[in-house]
C-alpha atoms as a PDB file:
ATOM      1  CA  MET A   1      -0.001   0.001   0.005  1.00  0.00           C
ATOM      2  CA  ARG A   2       2.798   2.386   0.951  1.00  0.00           C
ATOM      3  CA  ARG A   3       4.561   1.631  -2.347  1.00  0.00           C
ATOM      4  CA  LEU A   4       1.294   2.362  -4.221  1.00  0.00           C
ATOM      5  CA  VAL A   5       0.865   5.706  -2.452  1.00  0.00           C
ATOM      6  CA  MET A   6       4.438   6.698  -3.245  1.00  0.00           C
ATOM      7  CA  THR A   7       3.971   5.713  -6.886  1.00  0.00           C
ATOM      8  CA  LEU A   8       0.762   7.768  -7.161  1.00  0.00           C
ATOM      9  CA  LEU A   9       2.498  10.732  -5.486  1.00  0.00           C
ATOM     10  CA  ILE A  10       5.354  10.607  -7.974  1.00  0.00           C
ATOM     11  CA  VAL A  11       2.889  10.413 -10.889  1.00  0.00           C
ATOM     12  CA  PHE A  12       0.939  13.356  -9.441  1.00  0.00           C
ATOM     13  CA  ILE A  13       4.064  15.486  -9.061  1.00  0.00           C
ATOM     14  CA  CYS A  14       5.282  14.637 -12.545  1.00  0.00           C
ATOM     15  CA  ALA A  15       1.865  15.359 -14.003  1.00  0.00           C
ATOM     16  CA  GLY A  16       1.794  18.661 -12.178  1.00  0.00           C
ATOM     17  CA  ALA A  17       5.169  19.561 -13.584  1.00  0.00           C
ATOM     18  CA  VAL A  18       3.768  18.970 -17.047  1.00  0.00           C
ATOM     19  CA  LEU A  19       0.322  20.501 -16.625  1.00  0.00           C
ATOM     20  CA  VAL A  20       1.136  23.606 -14.588  1.00  0.00           C
ATOM     21  CA  PRO A  21       2.476  26.319 -16.886  1.00  0.00           C
ATOM     22  CA  VAL A  22       5.715  27.959 -15.804  1.00  0.00           C
ATOM     23  CA  THR A  23       6.296  31.579 -16.782  1.00  0.00           C
ATOM     24  CA  VAL A  24       9.927  32.615 -17.111  1.00  0.00           C
ATOM     25  CA  ALA A  25      10.438  36.360 -16.819  1.00  0.00           C
ATOM     26  CA  GLN A  26      12.465  37.752 -19.682  1.00  0.00           C
ATOM     27  CA  ARG A  27      14.766  40.691 -18.933  1.00  0.00           C
ATOM     28  CA  PRO A  28      13.848  43.634 -21.165  1.00  0.00           C
ATOM     29  CA  LYS A  29      16.506  44.203 -23.782  1.00  0.00           C
ATOM     30  CA  HIS A  30      17.710  47.487 -22.339  1.00  0.00           C
ATOM     31  CA  ARG A  31      16.886  47.071 -18.683  1.00  0.00           C
ATOM     32  CA  SER A  32      19.997  47.051 -16.550  1.00  0.00           C
ATOM     33  CA  THR A  33      20.639  44.546 -13.797  1.00  0.00           C
ATOM     34  CA  HIS A  34      21.528  47.340 -11.375  1.00  0.00           C
ATOM     35  CA  LYS A  35      18.104  47.406  -9.707  1.00  0.00           C
ATOM     36  CA  VAL A  36      17.810  44.433  -7.367  1.00  0.00           C
ATOM     37  CA  GLN A  37      14.573  44.248  -5.410  1.00  0.00           C
ATOM     38  CA  PRO A  38      14.749  42.009  -2.330  1.00  0.00           C
ATOM     39  CA  LYS A  39      12.119  42.155   0.400  1.00  0.00           C
ATOM     40  CA  SER A  40      11.394  45.727   1.383  1.00  0.00           C
ATOM     41  CA  SER A  41      13.491  47.329   4.078  1.00  0.00           C
ATOM     42  CA  SER A  42      13.433  50.781   5.604  1.00  0.00           C
ATOM     43  CA  THR A  43      15.588  53.428   3.944  1.00  0.00           C
ATOM     44  CA  PRO A  44      18.754  54.078   5.985  1.00  0.00           C
ATOM     45  CA  GLU A  45      19.565  57.497   7.411  1.00  0.00           C
ATOM     46  CA  ASP A  46      22.093  59.743   5.700  1.00  0.00           C
ATOM     47  CA  VAL A  47      25.654  58.760   6.575  1.00  0.00           C
ATOM     48  CA  CYS A  48      28.059  61.469   5.438  1.00  0.00           C
ATOM     49  CA  PRO A  49      31.071  63.275   6.891  1.00  0.00           C
ATOM     50  CA  SER A  50      30.117  66.453   8.757  1.00  0.00           C
ATOM     51  CA  SER A  51      33.549  67.934   8.107  1.00  0.00           C
ATOM     52  CA  GLY A  52      36.564  67.249   5.938  1.00  0.00           C
ATOM     53  CA  THR A  53      39.047  68.587   3.425  1.00  0.00           C
ATOM     54  CA  ALA A  54      37.664  70.572   0.503  1.00  0.00           C
ATOM     55  CA  PHE A  55      38.022  69.321  -3.058  1.00  0.00           C
ATOM     56  CA  GLU A  56      41.301  70.600  -4.514  1.00  0.00           C
ATOM     57  CA  MET A  57      39.733  72.212  -7.578  1.00  0.00           C
ATOM     58  CA  SER A  58      37.508  75.306  -7.556  1.00  0.00           C
ATOM     59  CA  LEU A  59      34.180  75.587  -9.339  1.00  0.00           C
ATOM     60  CA  SER A  60      35.597  78.123 -11.816  1.00  0.00           C
ATOM     61  CA  LYS A  61      38.291  75.662 -12.963  1.00  0.00           C
ATOM     62  CA  MET A  62      35.992  72.664 -13.600  1.00  0.00           C
ATOM     63  CA  PRO A  63      36.034  71.403 -17.236  1.00  0.00           C
ATOM     64  CA  ILE A  64      32.300  70.593 -17.164  1.00  0.00           C
ATOM     65  CA  PRO A  65      29.276  72.651 -18.261  1.00  0.00           C
ATOM     66  CA  ASN A  66      27.334  74.697 -15.712  1.00  0.00           C
ATOM     67  CA  PRO A  67      29.129  73.466 -12.583  1.00  0.00           C
ATOM     68  CA  SER A  68      27.152  73.776  -9.367  1.00  0.00           C
ATOM     69  CA  HIS A  69      28.441  73.805  -5.806  1.00  0.00           C
ATOM     70  CA  HIS A  70      27.541  70.883  -3.473  1.00  0.00           C
ATOM     71  CA  GLY A  71      28.350  69.829   0.071  1.00  0.00           C
ATOM     72  CA  ILE A  72      30.747  67.154  -1.178  1.00  0.00           C
ATOM     73  CA  ASP A  73      32.943  69.885  -2.657  1.00  0.00           C
ATOM     74  CA  ASP A  74      33.566  71.313   0.818  1.00  0.00           C
ATOM     75  CA  ARG A  75      34.216  68.051   2.646  1.00  0.00           C
ATOM     76  CA  CYS A  76      35.675  65.453   0.282  1.00  0.00           C
ATOM     77  CA  PRO A  77      39.113  65.709  -1.424  1.00  0.00           C
ATOM     78  CA  ARG A  78      40.339  63.926  -4.555  1.00  0.00           C
ATOM     79  CA  ALA A  79      41.563  60.902  -2.582  1.00  0.00           C
ATOM     80  CA  GLY A  80      38.156  60.560  -0.918  1.00  0.00           C
ATOM     81  CA  SER A  81      38.183  58.759   2.405  1.00  0.00           C
ATOM     82  CA  SER A  82      41.520  56.999   1.702  1.00  0.00           C
ATOM     83  CA  LYS A  83      45.038  58.198   2.424  1.00  0.00           C
ATOM     84  CA  PRO A  84      46.485  59.792  -0.731  1.00  0.00           C
ATOM     85  CA  THR A  85      49.710  57.772  -0.412  1.00  0.00           C
ATOM     86  CA  THR A  86      47.929  54.391  -0.533  1.00  0.00           C
ATOM     87  CA  PRO A  87      46.881  52.437  -3.661  1.00  0.00           C
ATOM     88  CA  HIS A  88      43.238  53.133  -2.752  1.00  0.00           C
ATOM     89  CA  GLY A  89      43.919  56.838  -2.383  1.00  0.00           C
ATOM     90  CA  ALA A  90      45.656  56.911  -5.765  1.00  0.00           C
ATOM     91  CA  GLN A  91      42.736  55.095  -7.381  1.00  0.00           C
ATOM     92  CA  ASN A  92      40.228  57.495  -5.810  1.00  0.00           C
ATOM     93  CA  ALA A  93      42.248  60.455  -7.071  1.00  0.00           C
ATOM     94  CA  ALA A  94      42.206  58.956 -10.587  1.00  0.00           C
ATOM     95  CA  LYS A  95      38.405  58.692 -10.343  1.00  0.00           C
ATOM     96  CA  ASN A  96      38.285  62.390  -9.478  1.00  0.00           C
ATOM     97  CA  ASN A  97      40.686  63.579 -12.180  1.00  0.00           C
ATOM     98  CA  PHE A  98      39.464  66.847 -13.708  1.00  0.00           C
ATOM     99  CA  LEU A  99      42.907  67.862 -14.973  1.00  0.00           C
ATOM    100  CA  ALA A 100      43.117  65.948 -18.282  1.00  0.00           C
ATOM    101  CA  GLU A 101      43.918  68.194 -21.246  1.00  0.00           C
ATOM    102  CA  GLY A 102      44.764  68.008 -24.923  1.00  0.00           C
ATOM    103  CA  ASP A 103      43.023  66.699 -28.009  1.00  0.00           C
ATOM    104  CA  PRO A 104      40.829  63.717 -27.080  1.00  0.00           C
ATOM    105  CA  VAL A 105      41.610  60.329 -28.626  1.00  0.00           C
ATOM    106  CA  GLU A 106      38.607  58.695 -30.313  1.00  0.00           C
ATOM    107  CA  LEU A 107      38.099  55.165 -29.012  1.00  0.00           C
ATOM    108  CA  THR A 108      35.877  52.298 -30.128  1.00  0.00           C
ATOM    109  CA  PHE A 109      34.337  49.479 -28.112  1.00  0.00           C
ATOM    110  CA  GLU A 110      36.930  47.090 -29.535  1.00  0.00           C
ATOM    111  CA  ASP A 111      39.654  49.415 -28.258  1.00  0.00           C
ATOM    112  CA  PHE A 112      38.320  48.873 -24.725  1.00  0.00           C
ATOM    113  CA  THR A 113      38.325  45.112 -25.249  1.00  0.00           C
ATOM    114  CA  GLU A 114      41.943  45.300 -26.434  1.00  0.00           C
ATOM    115  CA  LEU A 115      42.855  47.588 -23.514  1.00  0.00           C
ATOM    116  CA  GLN A 116      41.590  44.923 -21.117  1.00  0.00           C
ATOM    117  CA  SER A 117      43.452  42.138 -22.884  1.00  0.00           C
ATOM    118  CA  LEU A 118      46.761  44.026 -22.986  1.00  0.00           C
ATOM    119  CA  THR A 119      46.418  45.066 -19.349  1.00  0.00           C
ATOM    120  CA  ASN A 120      45.875  41.447 -18.285  1.00  0.00           C
ATOM    121  CA  LYS A 121      48.975  40.389 -20.233  1.00  0.00           C
ATOM    122  CA  LYS A 122      51.091  43.121 -18.617  1.00  0.00           C
ATOM    123  CA  ILE A 123      49.866  42.109 -15.148  1.00  0.00           C
ATOM    124  CA  ASN A 124      50.689  38.449 -15.825  1.00  0.00           C
ATOM    125  CA  ALA A 125      54.134  39.441 -17.114  1.00  0.00           C
ATOM    126  CA  GLY A 126      54.797  41.542 -14.018  1.00  0.00           C
ATOM    127  CA  GLU A 127      54.981  44.783 -16.013  1.00  0.00           C
ATOM    128  CA  ILE A 128      52.045  46.165 -14.005  1.00  0.00           C
ATOM    129  CA  LYS A 129      52.638  45.339 -10.347  1.00  0.00           C
ATOM    130  CA  LEU A 130      49.683  44.823  -8.002  1.00  0.00           C
ATOM    131  CA  ASP A 131      49.455  45.237  -4.237  1.00  0.00           C
ATOM    132  CA  LYS A 132      49.387  41.634  -3.017  1.00  0.00           C
ATOM    133  CA  ILE A 133      48.477  42.556   0.558  1.00  0.00           C
ATOM    134  CA  ASP A 134      45.324  44.554  -0.124  1.00  0.00           C
ATOM    135  CA  LYS A 135      42.245  42.430  -0.916  1.00  0.00           C
ATOM    136  CA  ASP A 136      41.490  44.456  -4.074  1.00  0.00           C
ATOM    137  CA  HIS A 137      45.050  43.973  -5.444  1.00  0.00           C
ATOM    138  CA  LEU A 138      45.202  47.493  -6.859  1.00  0.00           C
ATOM    139  CA  PRO A 139      48.110  48.694  -9.035  1.00  0.00           C
ATOM    140  CA  VAL A 140      51.055  49.819  -6.911  1.00  0.00           C
ATOM    141  CA  ASN A 141      52.191  52.369  -9.499  1.00  0.00           C
ATOM    142  CA  ARG A 142      49.426  53.701 -11.740  1.00  0.00           C
ATOM    143  CA  THR A 143      51.914  55.269 -14.169  1.00  0.00           C
ATOM    144  CA  GLN A 144      52.480  51.687 -15.394  1.00  0.00           C
ATOM    145  CA  LEU A 145      48.953  51.738 -16.822  1.00  0.00           C
ATOM    146  CA  LYS A 146      49.971  52.655 -20.357  1.00  0.00           C
ATOM    147  CA  MET A 147      49.981  50.775 -23.656  1.00  0.00           C
ATOM    148  CA  THR A 148      49.493  51.144 -27.396  1.00  0.00           C
ATOM    149  CA  VAL A 149      46.082  50.033 -28.664  1.00  0.00           C
ATOM    150  CA  ASN A 150      45.481  49.864 -32.412  1.00  0.00           C
ATOM    151  CA  GLY A 151      48.160  52.499 -32.977  1.00  0.00           C
ATOM    152  CA  LYS A 152      46.877  54.768 -30.180  1.00  0.00           C
ATOM    153  CA  LEU A 153      49.180  55.509 -27.240  1.00  0.00           C
ATOM    154  CA  LEU A 154      46.954  55.372 -24.150  1.00  0.00           C
ATOM    155  CA  SER A 155      47.415  55.601 -20.418  1.00  0.00           C
ATOM    156  CA  GLU A 156      45.268  56.273 -17.395  1.00  0.00           C
ATOM    157  CA  GLY A 157      44.365  59.960 -17.589  1.00  0.00           C
ATOM    158  CA  THR A 158      44.424  60.178 -21.401  1.00  0.00           C
ATOM    159  CA  LEU A 159      41.528  62.348 -22.587  1.00  0.00           C
ATOM    160  CA  VAL A 160      39.271  60.220 -24.824  1.00  0.00           C
ATOM    161  CA  THR A 161      35.866  60.205 -26.510  1.00  0.00           C
ATOM    162  CA  LEU A 162      33.472  57.300 -27.019  1.00  0.00           C
ATOM    163  CA  GLU A 163      30.172  57.072 -28.889  1.00  0.00           C
ATOM    164  CA  GLY A 164      27.552  54.523 -27.879  1.00  0.00           C
ATOM    165  CA  LEU A 165      23.929  53.730 -27.106  1.00  0.00           C
ATOM    166  CA  VAL A 166      22.753  54.217 -23.524  1.00  0.00           C
ATOM    167  CA  TYR A 167      21.945  50.803 -22.094  1.00  0.00           C
ATOM    168  CA  SER A 168      21.340  52.222 -18.614  1.00  0.00           C
ATOM    169  CA  ALA A 169      22.185  55.246 -16.493  1.00  0.00           C
ATOM    170  CA  HIS A 170      21.803  54.902 -12.748  1.00  0.00           C
ATOM    171  CA  TYR A 171      23.067  56.270  -9.454  1.00  0.00           C
ATOM    172  CA  SER A 172      25.609  54.043  -7.725  1.00  0.00           C
ATOM    173  CA  ASN A 173      25.760  53.158  -4.050  1.00  0.00           C
ATOM    174  CA  THR A 174      23.169  55.577  -2.667  1.00  0.00           C
ATOM    175  CA  LYS A 175      21.005  54.654   0.307  1.00  0.00           C
ATOM    176  CA  PHE A 176      18.216  53.983  -2.202  1.00  0.00           C
ATOM    177  CA  ASN A 177      20.156  51.291  -4.092  1.00  0.00           C
ATOM    178  CA  ARG A 178      18.977  47.815  -3.090  1.00  0.00           C
ATOM    179  CA  TYR A 179      21.239  44.795  -3.250  1.00  0.00           C
ATOM    180  CA  PRO A 180      20.912  41.105  -2.279  1.00  0.00           C
ATOM    181  CA  GLN A 181      20.604  40.124   1.394  1.00  0.00           C
ATOM    182  CA  HIS A 182      18.671  43.348   2.077  1.00  0.00           C
ATOM    183  CA  LYS A 183      21.800  45.473   1.706  1.00  0.00           C
ATOM    184  CA  ARG A 184      21.576  49.134   0.789  1.00  0.00           C
ATOM    185  CA  GLY A 185      24.169  51.313  -0.900  1.00  0.00           C
ATOM    186  CA  SER A 186      26.608  52.900   1.524  1.00  0.00           C
ATOM    187  CA  GLY A 187      28.611  55.240  -0.706  1.00  0.00           C
ATOM    188  CA  GLU A 188      32.022  54.820  -2.309  1.00  0.00           C
ATOM    189  CA  ALA A 189      35.456  55.648  -0.920  1.00  0.00           C
ATOM    190  CA  ASN A 190      36.220  58.141  -3.711  1.00  0.00           C
ATOM    191  CA  ASN A 191      33.155  60.100  -2.564  1.00  0.00           C
ATOM    192  CA  CYS A 192      34.007  59.772   1.152  1.00  0.00           C
ATOM    193  CA  LYS A 193      31.535  56.916   1.707  1.00  0.00           C
ATOM    194  CA  CYS A 194      28.435  59.091   1.803  1.00  0.00           C
ATOM    195  CA  ASN A 195      25.152  57.388   0.880  1.00  0.00           C
ATOM    196  CA  ARG A 196      23.314  60.498  -0.330  1.00  0.00           C
ATOM    197  CA  VAL A 197      22.292  60.924  -3.966  1.00  0.00           C
ATOM    198  CA  ASP A 198      24.186  64.194  -4.407  1.00  0.00           C
ATOM    199  CA  TRP A 199      27.430  62.568  -3.171  1.00  0.00           C
ATOM    200  CA  ASN A 200      27.497  59.613  -5.589  1.00  0.00           C
ATOM    201  CA  ASP A 201      28.455  58.855  -9.185  1.00  0.00           C
ATOM    202  CA  ILE A 202      26.024  58.194 -12.024  1.00  0.00           C
ATOM    203  CA  HIS A 203      27.018  54.951 -13.753  1.00  0.00           C
ATOM    204  CA  ILE A 204      26.335  54.952 -17.521  1.00  0.00           C
ATOM    205  CA  ALA A 205      26.519  51.659 -19.428  1.00  0.00           C
ATOM    206  CA  LEU A 206      27.132  52.225 -23.146  1.00  0.00           C
ATOM    207  CA  VAL A 207      26.759  49.572 -25.849  1.00  0.00           C
ATOM    208  CA  ASP A 208      27.772  49.492 -29.485  1.00  0.00           C
ATOM    209  CA  ASP A 209      24.605  47.827 -30.770  1.00  0.00           C
ATOM    210  CA  GLU A 210      21.020  47.880 -29.493  1.00  0.00           C
ATOM    211  CA  ASN A 211      21.054  44.074 -29.258  1.00  0.00           C
ATOM    212  CA  ASP A 212      24.203  43.940 -27.108  1.00  0.00           C
ATOM    213  CA  SER A 213      24.002  42.585 -23.572  1.00  0.00           C
ATOM    214  CA  GLU A 214      25.288  44.575 -20.603  1.00  0.00           C
ATOM    215  CA  CYS A 215      28.398  42.369 -20.570  1.00  0.00           C
ATOM    216  CA  LYS A 216      29.413  44.039 -23.833  1.00  0.00           C
ATOM    217  CA  SER A 217      29.054  47.528 -22.395  1.00  0.00           C
ATOM    218  CA  VAL A 218      31.662  50.165 -21.568  1.00  0.00           C
ATOM    219  CA  THR A 219      31.245  52.258 -18.433  1.00  0.00           C
ATOM    220  CA  ALA A 220      31.255  56.055 -18.230  1.00  0.00           C
ATOM    221  CA  GLU A 221      30.704  57.811 -14.899  1.00  0.00           C
ATOM    222  CA  ILE A 222      29.445  61.267 -13.977  1.00  0.00           C
ATOM    223  CA  SER A 223      31.097  62.540 -10.797  1.00  0.00           C
ATOM    224  CA  PRO A 224      29.091  64.295  -8.063  1.00  0.00           C
ATOM    225  CA  HIS A 225      31.712  67.048  -7.785  1.00  0.00           C
ATOM    226  CA  TYR A 226      30.176  70.316  -8.991  1.00  0.00           C
ATOM    227  CA  ARG A 227      27.585  68.351 -10.986  1.00  0.00           C
ATOM    228  CA  SER A 228      24.893  70.482 -12.651  1.00  0.00           C
ATOM    229  CA  MET A 229      21.212  69.848 -11.966  1.00  0.00           C
ATOM    230  CA  LEU A 230      20.756  68.765 -15.585  1.00  0.00           C
ATOM    231  CA  TRP A 231      23.488  66.136 -15.293  1.00  0.00           C
ATOM    232  CA  SER A 232      21.982  64.996 -11.973  1.00  0.00           C
ATOM    233  CA  ARG A 233      18.868  64.066 -13.967  1.00  0.00           C
ATOM    234  CA  PHE A 234      20.860  61.886 -16.376  1.00  0.00           C
ATOM    235  CA  HIS A 235      19.422  58.630 -15.027  1.00  0.00           C
ATOM    236  CA  ASP A 236      16.855  56.154 -16.302  1.00  0.00           C
ATOM    237  CA  GLY A 237      14.373  56.327 -13.420  1.00  0.00           C
ATOM    238  CA  GLN A 238      14.728  52.649 -12.485  1.00  0.00           C
ATOM    239  CA  ILE A 239      15.259  53.521  -8.792  1.00  0.00           C
ATOM    240  CA  ASP A 240      11.839  54.778  -7.749  1.00  0.00           C
ATOM    241  CA  GLU A 241      12.898  56.904  -4.778  1.00  0.00           C
ATOM    242  CA  ILE A 242      15.501  58.754  -6.840  1.00  0.00           C
ATOM    243  CA  GLN A 243      13.081  59.152  -9.728  1.00  0.00           C
ATOM    244  CA  ALA A 244      10.576  60.765  -7.332  1.00  0.00           C
ATOM    245  CA  ALA A 245      13.175  63.223  -6.058  1.00  0.00           C
ATOM    246  CA  LEU A 246      14.901  63.880  -9.404  1.00  0.00           C
ATOM    247  CA  PRO A 247      12.605  63.217 -12.392  1.00  0.00           C
ATOM    248  CA  GLY A 248      14.898  61.412 -14.821  1.00  0.00           C
ATOM    249  CA  LEU A 249      16.002  63.158 -17.989  1.00  0.00           C
ATOM    250  CA  LEU A 250      16.254  59.754 -19.683  1.00  0.00           C
ATOM    251  CA  LYS A 251      13.180  58.044 -18.242  1.00  0.00           C
ATOM    252  CA  GLY A 252      11.404  56.385 -21.141  1.00  0.00           C
ATOM    253  CA  LYS A 253      14.360  56.983 -23.453  1.00  0.00           C
ATOM    254  CA  VAL A 254      16.729  54.253 -22.287  1.00  0.00           C
ATOM    255  CA  VAL A 255      14.632  51.183 -21.504  1.00  0.00           C
ATOM    256  CA  GLU A 256      12.055  51.843 -24.221  1.00  0.00           C
ATOM    257  CA  GLY A 257      14.342  53.914 -26.406  1.00  0.00           C
ATOM    258  CA  MET A 258      13.507  56.615 -28.929  1.00  0.00           C
ATOM    259  CA  ASN A 259      11.526  54.981 -31.745  1.00  0.00           C
ATOM    260  CA  GLY A 260      12.565  51.660 -30.229  1.00  0.00           C
ATOM    261  CA  VAL A 261      16.279  52.508 -30.175  1.00  0.00           C
ATOM    262  CA  PRO A 262      18.145  53.856 -27.122  1.00  0.00           C
ATOM    263  CA  ILE A 263      19.621  57.329 -27.442  1.00  0.00           C
ATOM    264  CA  LYS A 264      23.127  57.627 -28.805  1.00  0.00           C
ATOM    265  CA  ILE A 265      25.579  59.789 -26.882  1.00  0.00           C
ATOM    266  CA  ARG A 266      29.204  60.855 -27.123  1.00  0.00           C
ATOM    267  CA  VAL A 267      31.136  61.250 -23.890  1.00  0.00           C
ATOM    268  CA  ARG A 268      34.497  62.882 -23.299  1.00  0.00           C
ATOM    269  CA  GLY A 269      36.710  62.401 -20.271  1.00  0.00           C
ATOM    270  CA  PRO A 270      39.904  60.744 -19.015  1.00  0.00           C
ATOM    271  CA  LEU A 271      40.569  57.025 -19.148  1.00  0.00           C
ATOM    272  CA  PHE A 272      40.389  55.326 -15.772  1.00  0.00           C
ATOM    273  CA  TYR A 273      41.263  51.744 -14.754  1.00  0.00           C
ATOM    274  CA  ASP A 274      38.846  50.518 -12.067  1.00  0.00           C
ATOM    275  CA  ALA A 275      40.887  47.713 -10.527  1.00  0.00           C
ATOM    276  CA  SER A 276      38.312  47.091  -7.774  1.00  0.00           C
ATOM    277  CA  HIS A 277      36.099  45.217 -10.255  1.00  0.00           C
ATOM    278  CA  GLN A 278      36.299  42.408 -12.818  1.00  0.00           C
ATOM    279  CA  PRO A 279      34.987  42.403 -16.393  1.00  0.00           C
ATOM    280  CA  CYS A 280      32.759  39.751 -17.912  1.00  0.00           C
ATOM    281  CA  THR A 281      34.675  36.956 -19.599  1.00  0.00           C
ATOM    282  CA  PHE A 282      33.509  35.112 -22.694  1.00  0.00           C
ATOM    283  CA  LYS A 283      33.808  31.674 -24.236  1.00  0.00           C
ATOM    284  CA  SER A 284      35.231  31.350 -27.744  1.00  0.00           C
ATOM    285  CA  SER A 285      31.623  30.958 -28.916  1.00  0.00           C
ATOM    286  CA  GLY A 286      30.791  34.428 -27.591  1.00  0.00           C
ATOM    287  CA  GLU A 287      28.717  33.168 -24.657  1.00  0.00           C
ATOM    288  CA  VAL A 288      29.376  34.703 -21.256  1.00  0.00           C
ATOM    289  CA  LEU A 289      31.652  32.533 -19.128  1.00  0.00           C
ATOM    290  CA  ARG A 290      31.680  34.777 -16.047  1.00  0.00           C
ATOM    291  CA  TYR A 291      29.665  37.882 -15.202  1.00  0.00           C
ATOM    292  CA  GLY A 292      31.412  40.901 -13.742  1.00  0.00           C
ATOM    293  CA  SER A 293      29.769  43.248 -11.251  1.00  0.00           C
ATOM    294  CA  PRO A 294      28.744  45.631 -12.617  1.00  0.00           C
ATOM    295  CA  GLN A 295      28.669  43.853 -15.956  1.00  0.00           C
ATOM    296  CA  ARG A 296      30.985  45.305 -18.614  1.00  0.00           C
ATOM    297  CA  ARG A 297      33.515  44.190 -21.263  1.00  0.00           C
ATOM    298  CA  SER A 298      36.394  46.082 -19.692  1.00  0.00           C
ATOM    299  CA  ILE A 299      37.189  47.702 -16.367  1.00  0.00           C
ATOM    300  CA  TRP A 300      38.725  50.598 -18.269  1.00  0.00           C
ATOM    301  CA  GLU A 301      36.218  53.458 -18.100  1.00  0.00           C
ATOM    302  CA  VAL A 302      35.630  57.054 -19.154  1.00  0.00           C
ATOM    303  CA  HIS A 303      35.654  58.543 -15.650  1.00  0.00           C
ATOM    304  CA  PRO A 304      34.871  61.286 -14.806  1.00  0.00           C
ATOM    305  CA  VAL A 305      32.837  62.508 -17.774  1.00  0.00           C
ATOM    306  CA  TYR A 306      33.652  66.087 -18.816  1.00  0.00           C
ATOM    307  CA  HIS A 307      31.232  66.525 -21.716  1.00  0.00           C
ATOM    308  CA  ILE A 308      28.090  64.815 -23.079  1.00  0.00           C
ATOM    309  CA  GLN A 309      26.587  65.113 -26.528  1.00  0.00           C
ATOM    310  CA  VAL A 310      23.410  63.469 -27.836  1.00  0.00           C
ATOM    311  CA  PHE A 311      22.799  62.478 -31.449  1.00  0.00           C
ATOM    312  CA  ASP A 312      19.468  64.039 -32.409  1.00  0.00           C
ATOM    313  CA  THR A 313      17.962  61.654 -34.934  1.00  0.00           C
ATOM    314  CA  ALA A 314      15.347  64.140 -36.124  1.00  0.00           C
ATOM    315  CA  ALA A 315      17.924  66.849 -36.864  1.00  0.00           C
ATOM    316  CA  SER A 316      20.580  64.232 -37.811  1.00  0.00           C
ATOM    317  CA  LYS A 317      23.292  66.006 -35.845  1.00  0.00           C
ATOM    318  CA  TRP A 318      25.193  65.954 -32.564  1.00  0.00           C
ATOM    319  CA  MET A 319      23.974  68.363 -29.897  1.00  0.00           C
ATOM    320  CA  ASP A 320      25.321  69.225 -26.477  1.00  0.00           C
ATOM    321  CA  LEU A 321      23.148  67.656 -23.795  1.00  0.00           C
ATOM    322  CA  GLU A 322      22.314  71.144 -22.527  1.00  0.00           C
ATOM    323  CA  GLU A 323      20.866  72.094 -25.916  1.00  0.00           C
ATOM    324  CA  TRP A 324      19.196  68.760 -26.609  1.00  0.00           C
ATOM    325  CA  ALA A 325      17.390  68.632 -23.249  1.00  0.00           C
ATOM    326  CA  HIS A 326      15.589  71.936 -23.672  1.00  0.00           C
END
């Protein structure tokens, strides 16, 4: 009898597996994976330094349009919350580099892939030395981050431009960002570990083709230092609390796209090597072997962004974001 009951139970379960439809949610083509929604939790309080060293550059010297003064500019230096003489302090300072000059070098998405490959080879050959004590294994000497890519001499700090489609644009590490295990964003060291929106970067994922996955993206970041109100609205509205406070300039234009295609932008800024992360890796077939976090083809970035242009499809021309948005 017991055997009969077990047999019927197995048949019932198997039948259920066949008869009950299973719906698999498909990720929208241009929806980023940055918004993780675990069970709801209360929004943390602001955690920011009440005092500190002012940023080393004045508003009048900033190479960005319409700079605006913020609290972070009075209390957070280029090295952020790290000592300037440490690898972390040097990396933070590179993230906050507003001193790049000269004619920008035009880069392609393949250039960023090659940059990653050459950097890995130089690390393996010992030409770029990493800090073996620190858990992030950051470069000991960032001047070693230089190489020739497709005939272009590049190094960290080289002023570059990149054109691409906006896959996503979101605030990083604010108290409104939700991560697995009910964790909230707590700010980044380069921004003195403050969790407020106006103290954090805006992470832009750019892709070469509208059908590309996020793993094929290149990252560009807008710094909070002296950021204009217009640039503060350069986000896709996927974080509801931020969207409520700062109606997104790109809401409805990134996920849905313009006429079904995401907007195309051109960014200008210095090259930066974000050694605290890992890129996606791919099989020879093109399938993703390992996902980075955030997902991207290379941990070389355009960071911080100095200038943004949008390609206006109706006028068939490039326009400064300030002109295009009005």
